[in-house]
Amino acid sequence: MINVGVLGATGAVGQRFVELLADHPWFNLTTLAASERSANKPYEKVVNWRLDTPFPEKIAKLKVTPTSPKGMKDVDLVFSALPAEIATDVESEFADAGIAVCSNASSHRMEPDIPLVVPEVNPDHLGLIDVQRDKGRDGFIVTNPNCSTIVMVMALAPLSKFRFTDVRVATMQAISGAGFAGVAAMAIYDNVIPYIGKEEEKMETETLKIMGALKGKKVINAPFSVSASCHRVPVIDGHTMAIWVDINKPVDELKKAYTTYKPLIKGLPTQPEKSVLYLEENDRPQPRLDRMRGKGMTVSVGRLREGVRFVAMGHNTIRGAAGASVLNAELISKKKYL
């Protein structure tokens, strides 16, 4: 078993990490870190458990530690659910101290020597770990993408064998993407907010790095453009998006690409049976009906039409956050980087 910890364990994504790791077959959750005011207290006393799954009693008495490598010497890897403004320095401190970091934060995603990974799409980008180590770092940082980016990338993956140069996307994003206190009730009830800070920029840049090619010691961006318009809607979990791609192929050929899609990796514990599922119904996917497919790790696609136009949807705090980091860690372990 690999000893792991969670940074930012009391927040929304931190709780998802705890949920996914409490009974993980490869990872032993030994350490939970949070703010100084929570340090040295049992996890059950400082966390306001808000998930719709039972609180994992086996870690209830685990004492929370300060967010510092000094207090987490016995872990091999940490999962970071820290806010970006804190993660920048803290994650680097952990990596410099010889601890592997799987980060959900945006801080390091676009750095040239740090992998931005979706295991089914670009597992070879973990080769950038060697670039970090060549620079003298004992540990390393691996990131997963923004919650909306990962849904779109997974939806595009089966189509990557076709040539296209232009992707356009309009998102309808769940309120849980902003955290427990991220959107005021009076702001989102009976409303759509047509702006999410930095979200469009993340989709437009991260997608190109993920779907790009690792050449030597750097990633060459994918040869297409992305234009995004992002919106917050009154849905609790599940990001939905309408996507347009300039592929000049019959719809039946594209549907076959979805139904026959095989990810680049398999056999990881958190990976669902189907990473991408195509739904034939005219009114699917829907967040309430489809977000928990594959235990929240499946991205659902439907309404594929001439144009080429389709709808994609995935669970933003599982597939789009904690689950993505855990899947990355499983790939790291399988590739023997730990």
Protein backbone atom coordinates (compact mmCIF):
# COMPACT_ATOMS: atom_id res chain seq x y z
CA MET A 1 0.00 0.00 0.00
CA ILE A 2 1.11 3.55 -0.74
CA ASN A 3 0.67 6.05 2.09
CA VAL A 4 -1.15 9.18 0.93
CA GLY A 5 -2.46 12.42 2.37
CA VAL A 6 -4.97 15.11 1.40
CA LEU A 7 -4.23 18.85 1.48
CA GLY A 8 -7.32 20.96 2.02
CA ALA A 9 -9.21 17.97 3.39
CA THR A 10 -12.20 19.85 4.82
CA GLY A 11 -13.36 21.63 1.65
CA ALA A 12 -15.68 20.43 -1.10
CA VAL A 13 -13.04 18.74 -3.26
CA GLY A 14 -11.09 17.64 -0.18
CA GLN A 15 -14.13 15.73 1.03
CA ARG A 16 -14.41 14.03 -2.37
CA PHE A 17 -10.78 12.96 -2.00
CA VAL A 18 -11.49 11.50 1.43
CA GLU A 19 -14.56 9.68 0.09
CA LEU A 20 -12.59 8.13 -2.80
CA LEU A 21 -9.51 7.23 -0.73
CA ALA A 22 -11.08 5.89 2.48
CA ASP A 23 -11.30 2.34 1.06
CA HIS A 24 -8.95 2.56 -1.91
CA PRO A 25 -7.27 -0.77 -2.85
CA TRP A 26 -3.86 0.80 -3.63
CA PHE A 27 -3.66 3.83 -1.34
CA ASN A 28 -3.62 4.05 2.45
CA LEU A 29 -5.04 7.39 3.61
CA THR A 30 -2.87 8.24 6.61
CA THR A 31 -2.79 12.04 6.76
CA LEU A 32 -5.29 14.86 6.41
CA ALA A 33 -4.11 18.48 6.32
CA ALA A 34 -6.09 21.69 6.66
CA SER A 35 -5.78 25.19 8.07
CA GLU A 36 -4.04 25.97 11.36
CA ARG A 37 -7.39 26.35 13.15
CA SER A 38 -8.21 22.71 12.35
CA ALA A 39 -4.78 21.29 13.16
CA ASN A 40 -4.43 18.62 15.88
CA LYS A 41 -8.19 18.04 16.03
CA PRO A 42 -9.98 14.86 14.89
CA TYR A 43 -11.27 15.10 11.34
CA GLU A 44 -14.84 14.44 12.47
CA LYS A 45 -14.71 17.55 14.67
CA VAL A 46 -13.56 19.99 12.00
CA VAL A 47 -15.27 18.82 8.81
CA ASN A 48 -18.83 19.77 7.87
CA TRP A 49 -19.56 16.65 5.79
CA ARG A 50 -21.80 17.70 2.91
CA LEU A 51 -21.62 14.78 0.49
CA ASP A 52 -24.62 12.53 -0.14
CA THR A 53 -22.58 9.48 0.87
CA PRO A 54 -22.02 8.31 4.48
CA PHE A 55 -19.17 9.85 6.42
CA PRO A 56 -16.22 7.38 6.39
CA GLU A 57 -16.03 6.49 10.08
CA LYS A 58 -12.69 4.72 9.73
CA ILE A 59 -10.92 8.08 9.40
CA ALA A 60 -13.14 10.01 11.82
CA LYS A 61 -10.53 10.03 14.60
CA LEU A 62 -7.62 10.86 12.29
CA LYS A 63 -6.05 14.06 13.57
CA VAL A 64 -5.70 16.90 11.10
CA THR A 65 -2.14 18.17 10.57
CA PRO A 66 -0.85 21.57 9.45
CA THR A 67 -0.30 21.92 5.71
CA SER A 68 3.46 21.44 5.74
CA PRO A 69 5.86 18.74 4.49
CA LYS A 70 7.37 18.56 8.00
CA GLY A 71 4.16 17.08 9.38
CA MET A 72 3.69 14.61 6.53
CA LYS A 73 7.03 12.82 6.35
CA ASP A 74 5.51 9.33 6.23
CA VAL A 75 3.48 9.87 3.05
CA ASP A 76 4.61 9.03 -0.47
CA LEU A 77 2.03 11.18 -2.26
CA VAL A 78 -0.40 13.98 -1.43
CA PHE A 79 -3.58 15.03 -3.19
CA SER A 80 -4.02 18.78 -3.31
CA ALA A 81 -7.45 20.37 -3.00
CA LEU A 82 -5.91 23.72 -2.07
CA PRO A 83 -7.07 27.05 -3.52
CA ALA A 84 -4.85 28.13 -6.40
CA GLU A 85 -3.41 31.13 -4.57
CA ILE A 86 -2.16 28.86 -1.77
CA ALA A 87 -1.27 25.85 -3.91
CA THR A 88 1.40 27.65 -5.93
CA ASP A 89 3.98 27.72 -3.13
CA VAL A 90 2.75 24.86 -0.95
CA GLU A 91 2.72 22.23 -3.70
CA SER A 92 6.25 23.23 -4.72
CA GLU A 93 7.39 22.86 -1.11
CA PHE A 94 6.04 19.31 -0.98
CA ALA A 95 7.62 18.36 -4.32
CA ASP A 96 10.96 19.84 -3.26
CA ALA A 97 10.75 17.80 -0.04
CA GLY A 98 10.57 14.57 -2.06
CA ILE A 99 6.80 14.03 -1.94
CA ALA A 100 4.73 13.43 -5.07
CA VAL A 101 1.83 15.85 -5.55
CA CYS A 102 -1.34 15.14 -7.52
CA SER A 103 -2.97 18.54 -7.77
CA ASN A 104 -6.48 19.65 -8.59
CA ALA A 105 -5.42 23.31 -8.37
CA SER A 106 -4.82 25.43 -11.46
CA SER A 107 -1.53 26.91 -10.23
CA HIS A 108 0.95 24.68 -12.08
CA ARG A 109 -1.12 23.26 -14.94
CA MET A 110 0.44 25.28 -17.73
CA GLU A 111 4.06 25.13 -16.56
CA PRO A 112 6.11 23.48 -19.33
CA ASP A 113 7.72 20.78 -17.14
CA ILE A 114 4.56 19.79 -15.24
CA PRO A 115 2.21 17.18 -16.73
CA LEU A 116 -1.44 18.10 -17.25
CA VAL A 117 -2.89 14.62 -17.52
CA VAL A 118 -6.10 12.79 -18.38
CA PRO A 119 -4.96 9.13 -18.21
CA GLU A 120 -7.24 7.88 -20.99
CA VAL A 121 -6.00 10.62 -23.34
CA ASN A 122 -2.33 11.53 -22.72
CA PRO A 123 -0.69 9.06 -20.30
CA ASP A 124 2.68 9.56 -22.00
CA HIS A 125 2.81 13.16 -20.70
CA LEU A 126 3.90 11.69 -17.36
CA GLY A 127 7.31 11.70 -19.03
CA LEU A 128 7.59 15.31 -17.83
CA ILE A 129 8.16 13.88 -14.34
CA ASP A 130 11.64 12.94 -15.53
CA VAL A 131 12.17 16.54 -16.67
CA GLN A 132 11.33 17.77 -13.15
CA ARG A 133 13.72 15.24 -11.61
CA ASP A 134 16.48 16.19 -14.04
CA LYS A 135 16.23 19.71 -12.61
CA GLY A 136 17.02 18.37 -9.14
CA ARG A 137 13.53 18.03 -7.64
CA ASP A 138 13.19 14.96 -5.40
CA GLY A 139 9.42 14.79 -5.68
CA PHE A 140 7.18 15.97 -8.53
CA ILE A 141 3.87 17.62 -9.38
CA VAL A 142 1.22 16.19 -11.70
CA THR A 143 -1.97 18.14 -12.39
CA ASN A 144 -5.43 17.34 -13.66
CA PRO A 145 -7.41 19.85 -15.73
CA ASN A 146 -10.21 22.22 -14.89
CA CYS A 147 -13.56 20.49 -14.32
CA SER A 148 -15.10 21.75 -17.57
CA THR A 149 -11.94 21.11 -19.60
CA ILE A 150 -11.81 17.44 -18.63
CA VAL A 151 -15.41 16.81 -19.70
CA MET A 152 -14.75 18.36 -23.10
CA VAL A 153 -11.42 16.58 -23.59
CA MET A 154 -12.98 13.22 -22.81
CA ALA A 155 -15.83 13.99 -25.22
CA LEU A 156 -13.32 14.92 -27.94
CA ALA A 157 -11.02 11.93 -27.36
CA PRO A 158 -12.99 9.46 -29.54
CA LEU A 159 -12.96 12.06 -32.34
CA SER A 160 -9.23 12.76 -32.19
CA LYS A 161 -8.52 10.46 -35.15
CA PHE A 162 -10.45 12.87 -37.38
CA ARG A 163 -8.96 16.14 -38.59
CA PHE A 164 -10.41 19.34 -37.14
CA THR A 165 -9.14 22.86 -36.58
CA ASP A 166 -11.92 24.60 -34.65
CA VAL A 167 -13.76 23.67 -31.44
CA ARG A 168 -16.47 25.85 -29.92
CA VAL A 169 -18.17 25.18 -26.62
CA ALA A 170 -20.92 26.69 -24.47
CA THR A 171 -21.03 25.32 -20.93
CA MET A 172 -23.79 25.05 -18.33
CA GLN A 173 -21.85 24.50 -15.13
CA ALA A 174 -23.05 23.27 -11.74
CA ILE A 175 -22.84 25.43 -8.61
CA SER A 176 -20.69 22.87 -6.76
CA GLY A 177 -17.85 23.90 -9.07
CA ALA A 178 -17.60 27.11 -7.05
CA GLY A 179 -17.39 25.33 -3.66
CA PHE A 180 -19.86 25.26 -0.80
CA ALA A 181 -19.98 29.04 -0.38
CA GLY A 182 -19.08 29.96 -3.95
CA VAL A 183 -22.44 31.17 -5.32
CA ALA A 184 -25.01 32.96 -3.18
CA ALA A 185 -28.49 31.42 -3.27
CA MET A 186 -30.10 34.72 -4.27
CA ALA A 187 -27.67 34.98 -7.18
CA ILE A 188 -28.31 31.57 -8.73
CA TYR A 189 -31.97 30.73 -7.97
CA ASP A 190 -34.16 31.43 -11.02
CA ASN A 191 -31.09 32.59 -12.87
CA VAL A 192 -28.16 31.87 -15.19
CA ILE A 193 -24.86 33.66 -14.63
CA PRO A 194 -23.05 34.11 -17.98
CA TYR A 195 -19.57 34.46 -16.52
CA ILE A 196 -17.20 32.27 -14.48
CA GLY A 197 -13.86 33.87 -13.72
CA LYS A 198 -10.94 32.47 -15.79
CA GLU A 199 -13.01 29.45 -16.83
CA GLU A 200 -13.04 30.24 -20.53
CA GLU A 201 -9.30 30.86 -20.61
CA LYS A 202 -8.66 27.52 -18.88
CA MET A 203 -10.74 25.59 -21.39
CA GLU A 204 -9.08 27.35 -24.31
CA THR A 205 -5.49 26.69 -23.15
CA GLU A 206 -5.59 23.45 -21.12
CA THR A 207 -7.31 21.50 -23.90
CA LEU A 208 -4.47 22.22 -26.31
CA LYS A 209 -1.81 21.05 -23.85
CA ILE A 210 -3.65 17.82 -22.96
CA MET A 211 -4.37 16.89 -26.56
CA GLY A 212 -0.91 17.98 -27.70
CA ALA A 213 2.11 15.75 -28.28
CA LEU A 214 5.05 15.19 -25.94
CA LYS A 215 8.21 15.82 -27.99
CA GLY A 216 11.37 15.31 -26.00
CA LYS A 217 11.18 17.51 -22.93
CA LYS A 218 8.12 19.60 -23.85
CA VAL A 219 4.54 19.40 -25.04
CA ILE A 220 3.63 20.76 -28.47
CA ASN A 221 0.08 22.12 -28.36
CA ALA A 222 -2.65 20.42 -30.39
CA PRO A 223 -3.14 22.03 -33.84
CA PHE A 224 -6.64 23.42 -33.34
CA SER A 225 -8.30 26.37 -31.64
CA VAL A 226 -10.87 26.40 -28.83
CA SER A 227 -13.44 29.13 -28.20
CA ALA A 228 -15.42 28.84 -24.95
CA SER A 229 -18.37 30.60 -23.36
CA CYS A 230 -19.00 29.50 -19.76
CA HIS A 231 -22.18 29.86 -17.68
CA ARG A 232 -23.24 28.96 -14.13
CA VAL A 233 -26.68 27.31 -13.87
CA PRO A 234 -28.82 26.16 -10.90
CA VAL A 235 -27.69 22.52 -10.98
CA ILE A 236 -25.89 21.06 -7.94
CA ASP A 237 -23.50 18.60 -9.65
CA GLY A 238 -22.74 17.89 -13.29
CA HIS A 239 -21.31 20.17 -15.98
CA THR A 240 -23.20 20.07 -19.29
CA MET A 241 -21.85 21.55 -22.49
CA ALA A 242 -22.82 22.01 -26.13
CA ILE A 243 -19.83 21.46 -28.42
CA TRP A 244 -19.28 22.29 -32.10
CA VAL A 245 -16.37 20.74 -34.05
CA ASP A 246 -15.52 21.33 -37.73
CA ILE A 247 -15.24 17.66 -38.71
CA ASN A 248 -16.31 16.90 -42.27
CA LYS A 249 -17.50 13.33 -41.73
CA PRO A 250 -20.93 11.64 -41.68
CA VAL A 251 -22.61 11.48 -38.28
CA ASP A 252 -22.82 7.68 -38.42
CA GLU A 253 -19.04 7.49 -38.72
CA LEU A 254 -18.65 9.72 -35.66
CA LYS A 255 -21.16 7.67 -33.67
CA LYS A 256 -19.16 4.56 -34.49
CA ALA A 257 -16.05 6.31 -33.15
CA TYR A 258 -17.86 6.79 -29.83
CA THR A 259 -19.29 3.29 -29.57
CA THR A 260 -15.96 1.63 -30.42
CA TYR A 261 -13.74 4.00 -28.42
CA LYS A 262 -10.97 2.35 -26.41
CA PRO A 263 -9.01 4.55 -23.95
CA LEU A 264 -5.21 4.54 -24.06
CA ILE A 265 -5.04 2.92 -20.62
CA LYS A 266 -7.09 0.39 -18.68
CA GLY A 267 -7.04 -1.51 -15.42
CA LEU A 268 -6.94 1.40 -12.96
CA PRO A 269 -9.24 1.02 -9.92
CA THR A 270 -11.02 4.38 -10.34
CA GLN A 271 -11.41 4.05 -14.11
CA PRO A 272 -15.00 3.24 -15.11
CA GLU A 273 -15.97 0.44 -17.45
CA LYS A 274 -16.77 3.12 -20.03
CA SER A 275 -14.83 6.37 -19.80
CA VAL A 276 -17.05 7.84 -22.53
CA LEU A 277 -20.62 6.65 -23.01
CA TYR A 278 -22.72 7.59 -26.05
CA LEU A 279 -26.47 7.90 -25.36
CA GLU A 280 -28.94 7.54 -28.21
CA GLU A 281 -31.94 9.24 -26.54
CA ASN A 282 -32.84 12.66 -27.94
CA ASP A 283 -32.95 14.29 -24.51
CA ARG A 284 -29.72 12.93 -22.98
CA PRO A 285 -27.35 13.36 -21.27
CA GLN A 286 -28.89 15.10 -18.26
CA PRO A 287 -27.03 15.88 -15.00
CA ARG A 288 -29.60 14.41 -12.63
CA LEU A 289 -29.94 11.17 -14.61
CA ASP A 290 -26.41 10.61 -15.88
CA ARG A 291 -23.82 12.27 -13.63
CA MET A 292 -23.24 9.18 -11.46
CA ARG A 293 -22.57 6.79 -14.34
CA GLY A 294 -19.35 4.92 -13.68
CA LYS A 295 -19.54 6.14 -10.05
CA GLY A 296 -19.22 9.68 -11.35
CA MET A 297 -16.23 8.97 -13.60
CA THR A 298 -18.01 8.43 -16.93
CA VAL A 299 -18.48 11.33 -19.36
CA SER A 300 -21.76 10.99 -21.25
CA VAL A 301 -22.24 12.23 -24.81
CA GLY A 302 -25.41 12.56 -26.89
CA ARG A 303 -27.38 14.56 -29.47
CA LEU A 304 -24.70 14.11 -32.13
CA ARG A 305 -25.90 15.99 -35.21
CA GLU A 306 -24.65 17.30 -38.50
CA GLY A 307 -22.63 20.38 -38.01
CA VAL A 308 -20.86 18.66 -36.11
CA ARG A 309 -22.74 19.34 -32.85
CA PHE A 310 -23.21 17.31 -29.69
CA VAL A 311 -23.80 17.54 -25.93
CA ALA A 312 -21.40 16.27 -23.26
CA MET A 313 -21.85 16.00 -19.48
CA GLY A 314 -19.76 14.83 -16.57
CA HIS A 315 -19.66 15.01 -12.77
CA ASN A 316 -17.55 18.06 -11.98
CA THR A 317 -16.34 17.22 -8.46
CA ILE A 318 -15.65 13.53 -9.18
CA ARG A 319 -14.54 13.16 -12.82
CA GLY A 320 -13.69 16.85 -12.98
CA ALA A 321 -11.74 17.11 -9.72
CA ALA A 322 -10.95 14.55 -7.02
CA GLY A 323 -11.58 11.46 -9.14
CA ALA A 324 -9.32 12.84 -11.87
CA SER A 325 -6.45 13.29 -9.40
CA VAL A 326 -6.92 9.82 -7.92
CA LEU A 327 -6.91 8.33 -11.43
CA ASN A 328 -3.69 10.22 -12.16
CA ALA A 329 -2.13 8.81 -8.99
CA GLU A 330 -3.12 5.29 -10.00
CA LEU A 331 -1.44 5.79 -13.36
CA ILE A 332 1.66 7.19 -11.64
CA SER A 333 1.77 4.11 -9.41
CA LYS A 334 1.24 1.74 -12.35
CA LYS A 335 4.07 3.43 -14.26
CA LYS A 336 6.29 3.05 -11.14
CA TYR A 337 7.11 6.73 -10.67
CA LEU A 338 6.69 6.40 -6.90
